[in-house]
Amino acid sequence: MNECSAPSTIVLVVGGPLTPSSILGLRASLDLLLEGSPGDPVVCDLGTLDGWDAGTVDALARLQLTARRLGRQIRLRHASGELQELLALMGLCDVLPLCEP
């Protein structure tokens, strides 16, 4: 079993279009989720995300910074092919790694 599907995995579902206010809410949710769960893997589920652009990547990078400040790392699950291409184009594949299939 990989860390993205372990029973203790924390999953943050990111859906809809990402706006500046939704990013703040996601970061606050992530802080709360990570507070009481030291060391558990963290997955950002993007299966219901509407649209992908540089702002989306910026939001995901900010979530990753929040997680790293707390000693964790986020992995992305259900990232579309287009988002994966955008991450590669921006040189962020190592910063925002994908879950193993």
PDB file of N, CA and C in Angstrom:
ATOM      1  N   MET A   1       0.853  -1.180   0.000  1.00  0.00           N
ATOM      2  CA  MET A   1       0.000   0.000   0.000  1.00  0.00           C
ATOM      3  C   MET A   1       0.895   1.239   0.000  1.00  0.00           C
ATOM      4  N   ASN A   2       0.607   2.209  -0.891  1.00  0.00           N
ATOM      5  CA  ASN A   2       1.413   3.419  -0.896  1.00  0.00           C
ATOM      6  C   ASN A   2       0.854   4.427   0.096  1.00  0.00           C
ATOM      7  N   GLU A   3       1.652   5.463   0.368  1.00  0.00           N
ATOM      8  CA  GLU A   3       1.252   6.410   1.406  1.00  0.00           C
ATOM      9  C   GLU A   3      -0.006   7.203   1.049  1.00  0.00           C
ATOM     10  N   CYS A   4      -0.346   7.292  -0.226  1.00  0.00           N
ATOM     11  CA  CYS A   4      -1.549   8.026  -0.628  1.00  0.00           C
ATOM     12  C   CYS A   4      -2.828   7.261  -0.325  1.00  0.00           C
ATOM     13  N   SER A   5      -2.717   5.970  -0.066  1.00  0.00           N
ATOM     14  CA  SER A   5      -3.914   5.189   0.227  1.00  0.00           C
ATOM     15  C   SER A   5      -3.854   4.513   1.591  1.00  0.00           C
ATOM     16  N   ALA A   6      -2.894   4.911   2.424  1.00  0.00           N
ATOM     17  CA  ALA A   6      -2.795   4.354   3.771  1.00  0.00           C
ATOM     18  C   ALA A   6      -4.020   4.771   4.586  1.00  0.00           C
ATOM     19  N   PRO A   7      -4.456   3.938   5.531  1.00  0.00           N
ATOM     20  CA  PRO A   7      -5.638   4.280   6.330  1.00  0.00           C
ATOM     21  C   PRO A   7      -5.506   5.598   7.094  1.00  0.00           C
ATOM     22  N   SER A   8      -4.285   5.976   7.464  1.00  0.00           N
ATOM     23  CA  SER A   8      -4.094   7.200   8.241  1.00  0.00           C
ATOM     24  C   SER A   8      -3.925   8.445   7.374  1.00  0.00           C
ATOM     25  N   THR A   9      -4.041   8.299   6.062  1.00  0.00           N
ATOM     26  CA  THR A   9      -3.844   9.430   5.156  1.00  0.00           C
ATOM     27  C   THR A   9      -4.887  10.518   5.393  1.00  0.00           C
ATOM     28  N   ILE A  10      -4.425  11.753   5.474  1.00  0.00           N
ATOM     29  CA  ILE A  10      -5.302  12.914   5.585  1.00  0.00           C
ATOM     30  C   ILE A  10      -5.609  13.377   4.168  1.00  0.00           C
ATOM     31  N   VAL A  11      -6.884  13.555   3.854  1.00  0.00           N
ATOM     32  CA  VAL A  11      -7.279  13.969   2.506  1.00  0.00           C
ATOM     33  C   VAL A  11      -7.959  15.336   2.581  1.00  0.00           C
ATOM     34  N   LEU A  12      -7.418  16.277   1.817  1.00  0.00           N
ATOM     35  CA  LEU A  12      -8.017  17.597   1.666  1.00  0.00           C
ATOM     36  C   LEU A  12      -8.595  17.656   0.257  1.00  0.00           C
ATOM     37  N   VAL A  13      -9.917  17.753   0.150  1.00  0.00           N
ATOM     38  CA  VAL A  13     -10.576  17.795  -1.157  1.00  0.00           C
ATOM     39  C   VAL A  13     -10.616  19.247  -1.623  1.00  0.00           C
ATOM     40  N   VAL A  14     -10.070  19.468  -2.815  1.00  0.00           N
ATOM     41  CA  VAL A  14     -10.037  20.804  -3.408  1.00  0.00           C
ATOM     42  C   VAL A  14     -10.956  20.779  -4.621  1.00  0.00           C
ATOM     43  N   GLY A  15     -12.066  21.497  -4.546  1.00  0.00           N
ATOM     44  CA  GLY A  15     -13.020  21.488  -5.645  1.00  0.00           C
ATOM     45  C   GLY A  15     -13.449  22.879  -6.043  1.00  0.00           C
ATOM     46  N   GLY A  16     -14.201  22.924  -7.136  1.00  0.00           N
ATOM     47  CA  GLY A  16     -14.682  24.203  -7.633  1.00  0.00           C
ATOM     48  C   GLY A  16     -13.551  25.054  -8.167  1.00  0.00           C
ATOM     49  N   PRO A  17     -13.857  26.250  -8.580  1.00  0.00           N
ATOM     50  CA  PRO A  17     -12.777  27.147  -8.990  1.00  0.00           C
ATOM     51  C   PRO A  17     -12.069  27.696  -7.753  1.00  0.00           C
ATOM     52  N   LEU A  18     -10.767  27.889  -7.842  1.00  0.00           N
ATOM     53  CA  LEU A  18     -10.009  28.444  -6.722  1.00  0.00           C
ATOM     54  C   LEU A  18      -9.996  29.963  -6.823  1.00  0.00           C
ATOM     55  N   THR A  19     -10.446  30.605  -5.765  1.00  0.00           N
ATOM     56  CA  THR A  19     -10.442  32.064  -5.682  1.00  0.00           C
ATOM     57  C   THR A  19      -9.560  32.455  -4.508  1.00  0.00           C
ATOM     58  N   PRO A  20      -9.147  33.725  -4.422  1.00  0.00           N
ATOM     59  CA  PRO A  20      -8.326  34.129  -3.270  1.00  0.00           C
ATOM     60  C   PRO A  20      -8.967  33.788  -1.927  1.00  0.00           C
ATOM     61  N   SER A  21     -10.279  33.966  -1.798  1.00  0.00           N
ATOM     62  CA  SER A  21     -10.920  33.656  -0.512  1.00  0.00           C
ATOM     63  C   SER A  21     -10.980  32.152  -0.262  1.00  0.00           C
ATOM     64  N   SER A  22     -11.168  31.356  -1.307  1.00  0.00           N
ATOM     65  CA  SER A  22     -11.201  29.907  -1.096  1.00  0.00           C
ATOM     66  C   SER A  22      -9.820  29.375  -0.730  1.00  0.00           C
ATOM     67  N   ILE A  23      -8.770  30.003  -1.231  1.00  0.00           N
ATOM     68  CA  ILE A  23      -7.409  29.586  -0.894  1.00  0.00           C
ATOM     69  C   ILE A  23      -7.154  29.795   0.592  1.00  0.00           C
ATOM     70  N   LEU A  24      -7.590  30.942   1.120  1.00  0.00           N
ATOM     71  CA  LEU A  24      -7.427  31.199   2.555  1.00  0.00           C
ATOM     72  C   LEU A  24      -8.175  30.155   3.371  1.00  0.00           C
ATOM     73  N   GLY A  25      -9.374  29.806   2.936  1.00  0.00           N
ATOM     74  CA  GLY A  25     -10.152  28.782   3.634  1.00  0.00           C
ATOM     75  C   GLY A  25      -9.490  27.416   3.585  1.00  0.00           C
ATOM     76  N   LEU A  26      -8.928  27.062   2.429  1.00  0.00           N
ATOM     77  CA  LEU A  26      -8.230  25.778   2.299  1.00  0.00           C
ATOM     78  C   LEU A  26      -7.004  25.729   3.201  1.00  0.00           C
ATOM     79  N   ARG A  27      -6.258  26.828   3.265  1.00  0.00           N
ATOM     80  CA  ARG A  27      -5.072  26.851   4.130  1.00  0.00           C
ATOM     81  C   ARG A  27      -5.476  26.713   5.599  1.00  0.00           C
ATOM     82  N   ALA A  28      -6.559  27.366   5.991  1.00  0.00           N
ATOM     83  CA  ALA A  28      -7.042  27.241   7.369  1.00  0.00           C
ATOM     84  C   ALA A  28      -7.502  25.809   7.643  1.00  0.00           C
ATOM     85  N   SER A  29      -8.192  25.193   6.687  1.00  0.00           N
ATOM     86  CA  SER A  29      -8.624  23.798   6.845  1.00  0.00           C
ATOM     87  C   SER A  29      -7.429  22.870   6.976  1.00  0.00           C
ATOM     88  N   LEU A  30      -6.413  23.107   6.163  1.00  0.00           N
ATOM     89  CA  LEU A  30      -5.212  22.277   6.221  1.00  0.00           C
ATOM     90  C   LEU A  30      -4.529  22.418   7.574  1.00  0.00           C
ATOM     91  N   ASP A  31      -4.425  23.641   8.076  1.00  0.00           N
ATOM     92  CA  ASP A  31      -3.842  23.854   9.407  1.00  0.00           C
ATOM     93  C   ASP A  31      -4.578  23.030  10.457  1.00  0.00           C
ATOM     94  N   LEU A  32      -5.907  23.069  10.430  1.00  0.00           N
ATOM     95  CA  LEU A  32      -6.706  22.323  11.408  1.00  0.00           C
ATOM     96  C   LEU A  32      -6.521  20.820  11.261  1.00  0.00           C
ATOM     97  N   LEU A  33      -6.499  20.333  10.018  1.00  0.00           N
ATOM     98  CA  LEU A  33      -6.322  18.897   9.785  1.00  0.00           C
ATOM     99  C   LEU A  33      -4.969  18.407  10.283  1.00  0.00           C
ATOM    100  N   LEU A  34      -3.939  19.215  10.094  1.00  0.00           N
ATOM    101  CA  LEU A  34      -2.590  18.773  10.446  1.00  0.00           C
ATOM    102  C   LEU A  34      -2.272  18.935  11.923  1.00  0.00           C
ATOM    103  N   GLU A  35      -2.993  19.803  12.611  1.00  0.00           N
ATOM    104  CA  GLU A  35      -2.735  20.048  14.024  1.00  0.00           C
ATOM    105  C   GLU A  35      -2.752  18.778  14.861  1.00  0.00           C
ATOM    106  N   GLY A  36      -3.755  17.962  14.684  1.00  0.00           N
ATOM    107  CA  GLY A  36      -3.923  16.800  15.548  1.00  0.00           C
ATOM    108  C   GLY A  36      -3.470  15.487  14.955  1.00  0.00           C
ATOM    109  N   SER A  37      -2.664  15.516  13.917  1.00  0.00           N
ATOM    110  CA  SER A  37      -2.291  14.260  13.260  1.00  0.00           C
ATOM    111  C   SER A  37      -0.823  14.264  12.850  1.00  0.00           C
ATOM    112  N   PRO A  38       0.062  14.180  13.808  1.00  0.00           N
ATOM    113  CA  PRO A  38       1.485  14.259  13.488  1.00  0.00           C
ATOM    114  C   PRO A  38       1.966  13.094  12.629  1.00  0.00           C
ATOM    115  N   GLY A  39       2.593  13.424  11.505  1.00  0.00           N
ATOM    116  CA  GLY A  39       3.244  12.419  10.686  1.00  0.00           C
ATOM    117  C   GLY A  39       2.401  11.709   9.654  1.00  0.00           C
ATOM    118  N   ASP A  40       1.078  11.856   9.696  1.00  0.00           N
ATOM    119  CA  ASP A  40       0.246  11.160   8.719  1.00  0.00           C
ATOM    120  C   ASP A  40       0.438  11.765   7.334  1.00  0.00           C
ATOM    121  N   PRO A  41       0.391  10.929   6.275  1.00  0.00           N
ATOM    122  CA  PRO A  41       0.512  11.451   4.910  1.00  0.00           C
ATOM    123  C   PRO A  41      -0.650  12.397   4.587  1.00  0.00           C
ATOM    124  N   VAL A  42      -0.389  13.364   3.702  1.00  0.00           N
ATOM    125  CA  VAL A  42      -1.400  14.342   3.315  1.00  0.00           C
ATOM    126  C   VAL A  42      -1.601  14.282   1.803  1.00  0.00           C
ATOM    127  N   VAL A  43      -2.849  14.140   1.388  1.00  0.00           N
ATOM    128  CA  VAL A  43      -3.195  14.082  -0.031  1.00  0.00           C
ATOM    129  C   VAL A  43      -4.171  15.206  -0.341  1.00  0.00           C
ATOM    130  N   CYS A  44      -3.917  15.899  -1.429  1.00  0.00           N
ATOM    131  CA  CYS A  44      -4.819  16.919  -1.947  1.00  0.00           C
ATOM    132  C   CYS A  44      -5.574  16.274  -3.110  1.00  0.00           C
ATOM    133  N   ASP A  45      -6.861  16.014  -2.929  1.00  0.00           N
ATOM    134  CA  ASP A  45      -7.669  15.368  -3.961  1.00  0.00           C
ATOM    135  C   ASP A  45      -8.249  16.443  -4.875  1.00  0.00           C
ATOM    136  N   LEU A  46      -7.843  16.409  -6.142  1.00  0.00           N
ATOM    137  CA  LEU A  46      -8.232  17.433  -7.104  1.00  0.00           C
ATOM    138  C   LEU A  46      -9.311  16.952  -8.070  1.00  0.00           C
ATOM    139  N   GLY A  47      -9.974  15.862  -7.741  1.00  0.00           N
ATOM    140  CA  GLY A  47     -10.945  15.257  -8.648  1.00  0.00           C
ATOM    141  C   GLY A  47     -12.126  16.141  -9.013  1.00  0.00           C
ATOM    142  N   THR A  48     -12.484  17.094  -8.170  1.00  0.00           N
ATOM    143  CA  THR A  48     -13.631  17.962  -8.462  1.00  0.00           C
ATOM    144  C   THR A  48     -13.219  19.401  -8.746  1.00  0.00           C
ATOM    145  N   LEU A  49     -11.945  19.614  -9.008  1.00  0.00           N
ATOM    146  CA  LEU A  49     -11.446  20.959  -9.289  1.00  0.00           C
ATOM    147  C   LEU A  49     -11.894  21.404 -10.677  1.00  0.00           C
ATOM    148  N   ASP A  50     -12.428  22.611 -10.772  1.00  0.00           N
ATOM    149  CA  ASP A  50     -12.884  23.166 -12.054  1.00  0.00           C
ATOM    150  C   ASP A  50     -11.811  24.076 -12.632  1.00  0.00           C
ATOM    151  N   GLY A  51     -11.174  23.657 -13.696  1.00  0.00           N
ATOM    152  CA  GLY A  51     -10.206  24.500 -14.388  1.00  0.00           C
ATOM    153  C   GLY A  51      -8.838  24.510 -13.735  1.00  0.00           C
ATOM    154  N   TRP A  52      -7.830  24.715 -14.564  1.00  0.00           N
ATOM    155  CA  TRP A  52      -6.450  24.731 -14.097  1.00  0.00           C
ATOM    156  C   TRP A  52      -5.736  25.862 -14.795  1.00  0.00           C
ATOM    157  N   ASP A  53      -5.048  26.689 -14.021  1.00  0.00           N
ATOM    158  CA  ASP A  53      -4.246  27.760 -14.584  1.00  0.00           C
ATOM    159  C   ASP A  53      -3.119  28.078 -13.612  1.00  0.00           C
ATOM    160  N   ALA A  54      -2.371  29.128 -13.892  1.00  0.00           N
ATOM    161  CA  ALA A  54      -1.250  29.491 -13.024  1.00  0.00           C
ATOM    162  C   ALA A  54      -1.730  29.807 -11.608  1.00  0.00           C
ATOM    163  N   GLY A  55      -2.932  30.367 -11.484  1.00  0.00           N
ATOM    164  CA  GLY A  55      -3.489  30.649 -10.158  1.00  0.00           C
ATOM    165  C   GLY A  55      -3.747  29.376  -9.366  1.00  0.00           C
ATOM    166  N   THR A  56      -4.166  28.324 -10.053  1.00  0.00           N
ATOM    167  CA  THR A  56      -4.374  27.027  -9.412  1.00  0.00           C
ATOM    168  C   THR A  56      -3.058  26.493  -8.872  1.00  0.00           C
ATOM    169  N   VAL A  57      -2.024  26.571  -9.700  1.00  0.00           N
ATOM    170  CA  VAL A  57      -0.704  26.087  -9.284  1.00  0.00           C
ATOM    171  C   VAL A  57      -0.196  26.915  -8.109  1.00  0.00           C
ATOM    172  N   ASP A  58      -0.409  28.224  -8.142  1.00  0.00           N
ATOM    173  CA  ASP A  58      -0.011  29.089  -7.028  1.00  0.00           C
ATOM    174  C   ASP A  58      -0.721  28.665  -5.746  1.00  0.00           C
ATOM    175  N   ALA A  59      -2.015  28.394  -5.836  1.00  0.00           N
ATOM    176  CA  ALA A  59      -2.774  27.970  -4.660  1.00  0.00           C
ATOM    177  C   ALA A  59      -2.247  26.654  -4.105  1.00  0.00           C
ATOM    178  N   LEU A  60      -1.961  25.705  -4.986  1.00  0.00           N
ATOM    179  CA  LEU A  60      -1.435  24.411  -4.537  1.00  0.00           C
ATOM    180  C   LEU A  60      -0.053  24.575  -3.917  1.00  0.00           C
ATOM    181  N   ALA A  61       0.761  25.455  -4.487  1.00  0.00           N
ATOM    182  CA  ALA A  61       2.091  25.709  -3.919  1.00  0.00           C
ATOM    183  C   ALA A  61       1.968  26.330  -2.528  1.00  0.00           C
ATOM    184  N   ARG A  62       0.994  27.206  -2.340  1.00  0.00           N
ATOM    185  CA  ARG A  62       0.774  27.807  -1.012  1.00  0.00           C
ATOM    186  C   ARG A  62       0.329  26.754   0.006  1.00  0.00           C
ATOM    187  N   LEU A  63      -0.509  25.820  -0.436  1.00  0.00           N
ATOM    188  CA  LEU A  63      -0.891  24.722   0.458  1.00  0.00           C
ATOM    189  C   LEU A  63       0.329  23.882   0.827  1.00  0.00           C
ATOM    190  N   GLN A  64       1.198  23.641  -0.156  1.00  0.00           N
ATOM    191  CA  GLN A  64       2.416  22.875   0.114  1.00  0.00           C
ATOM    192  C   GLN A  64       3.299  23.612   1.124  1.00  0.00           C
ATOM    193  N   LEU A  65       3.425  24.932   0.990  1.00  0.00           N
ATOM    194  CA  LEU A  65       4.210  25.715   1.953  1.00  0.00           C
ATOM    195  C   LEU A  65       3.624  25.602   3.356  1.00  0.00           C
ATOM    196  N   THR A  66       2.304  25.653   3.448  1.00  0.00           N
ATOM    197  CA  THR A  66       1.644  25.498   4.751  1.00  0.00           C
ATOM    198  C   THR A  66       1.980  24.136   5.351  1.00  0.00           C
ATOM    199  N   ALA A  67       1.880  23.091   4.544  1.00  0.00           N
ATOM    200  CA  ALA A  67       2.184  21.739   5.029  1.00  0.00           C
ATOM    201  C   ALA A  67       3.649  21.624   5.444  1.00  0.00           C
ATOM    202  N   ARG A  68       4.543  22.158   4.659  1.00  0.00           N
ATOM    203  CA  ARG A  68       5.975  22.050   4.977  1.00  0.00           C
ATOM    204  C   ARG A  68       6.340  22.824   6.227  1.00  0.00           C
ATOM    205  N   ARG A  69       5.659  23.949   6.456  1.00  0.00           N
ATOM    206  CA  ARG A  69       5.884  24.687   7.701  1.00  0.00           C
ATOM    207  C   ARG A  69       5.574  23.808   8.910  1.00  0.00           C
ATOM    208  N   LEU A  70       4.672  22.868   8.724  1.00  0.00           N
ATOM    209  CA  LEU A  70       4.276  21.957   9.799  1.00  0.00           C
ATOM    210  C   LEU A  70       4.986  20.606   9.695  1.00  0.00           C
ATOM    211  N   GLY A  71       6.051  20.554   8.869  1.00  0.00           N
ATOM    212  CA  GLY A  71       6.854  19.338   8.761  1.00  0.00           C
ATOM    213  C   GLY A  71       6.244  18.246   7.911  1.00  0.00           C
ATOM    214  N   ARG A  72       5.351  18.586   7.015  1.00  0.00           N
ATOM    215  CA  ARG A  72       4.665  17.607   6.179  1.00  0.00           C
ATOM    216  C   ARG A  72       4.867  17.901   4.715  1.00  0.00           C
ATOM    217  N   GLN A  73       4.366  17.011   3.853  1.00  0.00           N
ATOM    218  CA  GLN A  73       4.383  17.216   2.414  1.00  0.00           C
ATOM    219  C   GLN A  73       3.062  16.743   1.833  1.00  0.00           C
ATOM    220  N   ILE A  74       2.537  17.532   0.917  1.00  0.00           N
ATOM    221  CA  ILE A  74       1.297  17.181   0.223  1.00  0.00           C
ATOM    222  C   ILE A  74       1.637  16.447  -1.065  1.00  0.00           C
ATOM    223  N   ARG A  75       0.828  15.448  -1.382  1.00  0.00           N
ATOM    224  CA  ARG A  75       0.874  14.788  -2.690  1.00  0.00           C
ATOM    225  C   ARG A  75      -0.479  15.032  -3.358  1.00  0.00           C
ATOM    226  N   LEU A  76      -0.454  15.156  -4.676  1.00  0.00           N
ATOM    227  CA  LEU A  76      -1.675  15.438  -5.432  1.00  0.00           C
ATOM    228  C   LEU A  76      -2.289  14.157  -5.974  1.00  0.00           C
ATOM    229  N   ARG A  77      -3.602  14.033  -5.806  1.00  0.00           N
ATOM    230  CA  ARG A  77      -4.329  12.881  -6.343  1.00  0.00           C
ATOM    231  C   ARG A  77      -5.385  13.399  -7.327  1.00  0.00           C
ATOM    232  N   HIS A  78      -5.595  12.648  -8.404  1.00  0.00           N
ATOM    233  CA  HIS A  78      -6.577  12.977  -9.444  1.00  0.00           C
ATOM    234  C   HIS A  78      -6.262  14.291 -10.152  1.00  0.00           C
ATOM    235  N   ALA A  79      -4.976  14.592 -10.313  1.00  0.00           N
ATOM    236  CA  ALA A  79      -4.586  15.770 -11.102  1.00  0.00           C
ATOM    237  C   ALA A  79      -4.787  15.441 -12.579  1.00  0.00           C
ATOM    238  N   SER A  80      -5.429  16.330 -13.294  1.00  0.00           N
ATOM    239  CA  SER A  80      -5.683  16.093 -14.721  1.00  0.00           C
ATOM    240  C   SER A  80      -4.368  16.106 -15.498  1.00  0.00           C
ATOM    241  N   GLY A  81      -4.415  15.549 -16.693  1.00  0.00           N
ATOM    242  CA  GLY A  81      -3.246  15.581 -17.563  1.00  0.00           C
ATOM    243  C   GLY A  81      -2.803  17.005 -17.853  1.00  0.00           C
ATOM    244  N   GLU A  82      -3.778  17.909 -18.034  1.00  0.00           N
ATOM    245  CA  GLU A  82      -3.454  19.312 -18.301  1.00  0.00           C
ATOM    246  C   GLU A  82      -2.739  19.952 -17.115  1.00  0.00           C
ATOM    247  N   LEU A  83      -3.205  19.662 -15.904  1.00  0.00           N
ATOM    248  CA  LEU A  83      -2.549  20.216 -14.719  1.00  0.00           C
ATOM    249  C   LEU A  83      -1.149  19.635 -14.573  1.00  0.00           C
ATOM    250  N   GLN A  84      -0.991  18.352 -14.835  1.00  0.00           N
ATOM    251  CA  GLN A  84       0.338  17.742 -14.770  1.00  0.00           C
ATOM    252  C   GLN A  84       1.287  18.395 -15.772  1.00  0.00           C
ATOM    253  N   GLU A  85       0.789  18.683 -16.977  1.00  0.00           N
ATOM    254  CA  GLU A  85       1.611  19.365 -17.978  1.00  0.00           C
ATOM    255  C   GLU A  85       1.982  20.771 -17.516  1.00  0.00           C
ATOM    256  N   LEU A  86       1.045  21.474 -16.897  1.00  0.00           N
ATOM    257  CA  LEU A  86       1.311  22.819 -16.393  1.00  0.00           C
ATOM    258  C   LEU A  86       2.357  22.785 -15.281  1.00  0.00           C
ATOM    259  N   LEU A  87       2.259  21.814 -14.382  1.00  0.00           N
ATOM    260  CA  LEU A  87       3.263  21.665 -13.324  1.00  0.00           C
ATOM    261  C   LEU A  87       4.641  21.414 -13.925  1.00  0.00           C
ATOM    262  N   ALA A  88       4.703  20.571 -14.951  1.00  0.00           N
ATOM    263  CA  ALA A  88       5.980  20.281 -15.611  1.00  0.00           C
ATOM    264  C   ALA A  88       6.526  21.530 -16.292  1.00  0.00           C
ATOM    265  N   LEU A  89       5.674  22.266 -16.984  1.00  0.00           N
ATOM    266  CA  LEU A  89       6.085  23.483 -17.676  1.00  0.00           C
ATOM    267  C   LEU A  89       6.635  24.512 -16.693  1.00  0.00           C
ATOM    268  N   MET A  90       6.038  24.579 -15.506  1.00  0.00           N
ATOM    269  CA  MET A  90       6.468  25.539 -14.492  1.00  0.00           C
ATOM    270  C   MET A  90       7.618  25.009 -13.639  1.00  0.00           C
ATOM    271  N   GLY A  91       8.049  23.774 -13.895  1.00  0.00           N
ATOM    272  CA  GLY A  91       9.159  23.196 -13.143  1.00  0.00           C
ATOM    273  C   GLY A  91       8.816  22.862 -11.705  1.00  0.00           C
ATOM    274  N   LEU A  92       7.563  22.507 -11.451  1.00  0.00           N
ATOM    275  CA  LEU A  92       7.110  22.276 -10.076  1.00  0.00           C
ATOM    276  C   LEU A  92       6.717  20.831  -9.779  1.00  0.00           C
ATOM    277  N   CYS A  93       7.101  19.911 -10.633  1.00  0.00           N
ATOM    278  CA  CYS A  93       6.741  18.504 -10.401  1.00  0.00           C
ATOM    279  C   CYS A  93       7.335  17.966  -9.101  1.00  0.00           C
ATOM    280  N   ASP A  94       8.534  18.415  -8.743  1.00  0.00           N
ATOM    281  CA  ASP A  94       9.146  17.958  -7.492  1.00  0.00           C
ATOM    282  C   ASP A  94       8.557  18.674  -6.284  1.00  0.00           C
ATOM    283  N   VAL A  95       8.076  19.887  -6.485  1.00  0.00           N
ATOM    284  CA  VAL A  95       7.485  20.665  -5.397  1.00  0.00           C
ATOM    285  C   VAL A  95       6.082  20.160  -5.073  1.00  0.00           C
ATOM    286  N   LEU A  96       5.348  19.772  -6.108  1.00  0.00           N
ATOM    287  CA  LEU A  96       3.980  19.280  -5.958  1.00  0.00           C
ATOM    288  C   LEU A  96       3.886  17.875  -6.552  1.00  0.00           C
ATOM    289  N   PRO A  97       4.420  16.871  -5.836  1.00  0.00           N
ATOM    290  CA  PRO A  97       4.445  15.506  -6.382  1.00  0.00           C
ATOM    291  C   PRO A  97       3.054  14.878  -6.438  1.00  0.00           C
ATOM    292  N   LEU A  98       2.915  13.960  -7.372  1.00  0.00           N
ATOM    293  CA  LEU A  98       1.661  13.230  -7.553  1.00  0.00           C
ATOM    294  C   LEU A  98       1.668  11.953  -6.730  1.00  0.00           C
ATOM    295  N   CYS A  99       0.483  11.473  -6.391  1.00  0.00           N
ATOM    296  CA  CYS A  99       0.352  10.153  -5.783  1.00  0.00           C
ATOM    297  C   CYS A  99       0.715   9.111  -6.826  1.00  0.00           C
ATOM    298  N   GLU A 100       1.303   8.031  -6.372  1.00  0.00           N
ATOM    299  CA  GLU A 100       1.596   6.911  -7.270  1.00  0.00           C
ATOM    300  C   GLU A 100       0.276   6.258  -7.652  1.00  0.00           C
ATOM    301  N   PRO A 101       0.113   5.881  -8.930  1.00  0.00           N
ATOM    302  CA  PRO A 101      -1.147   5.222  -9.328  1.00  0.00           C
ATOM    303  C   PRO A 101      -1.284   3.843  -8.712  1.00  0.00           C
TER     304      PRO A 101
END
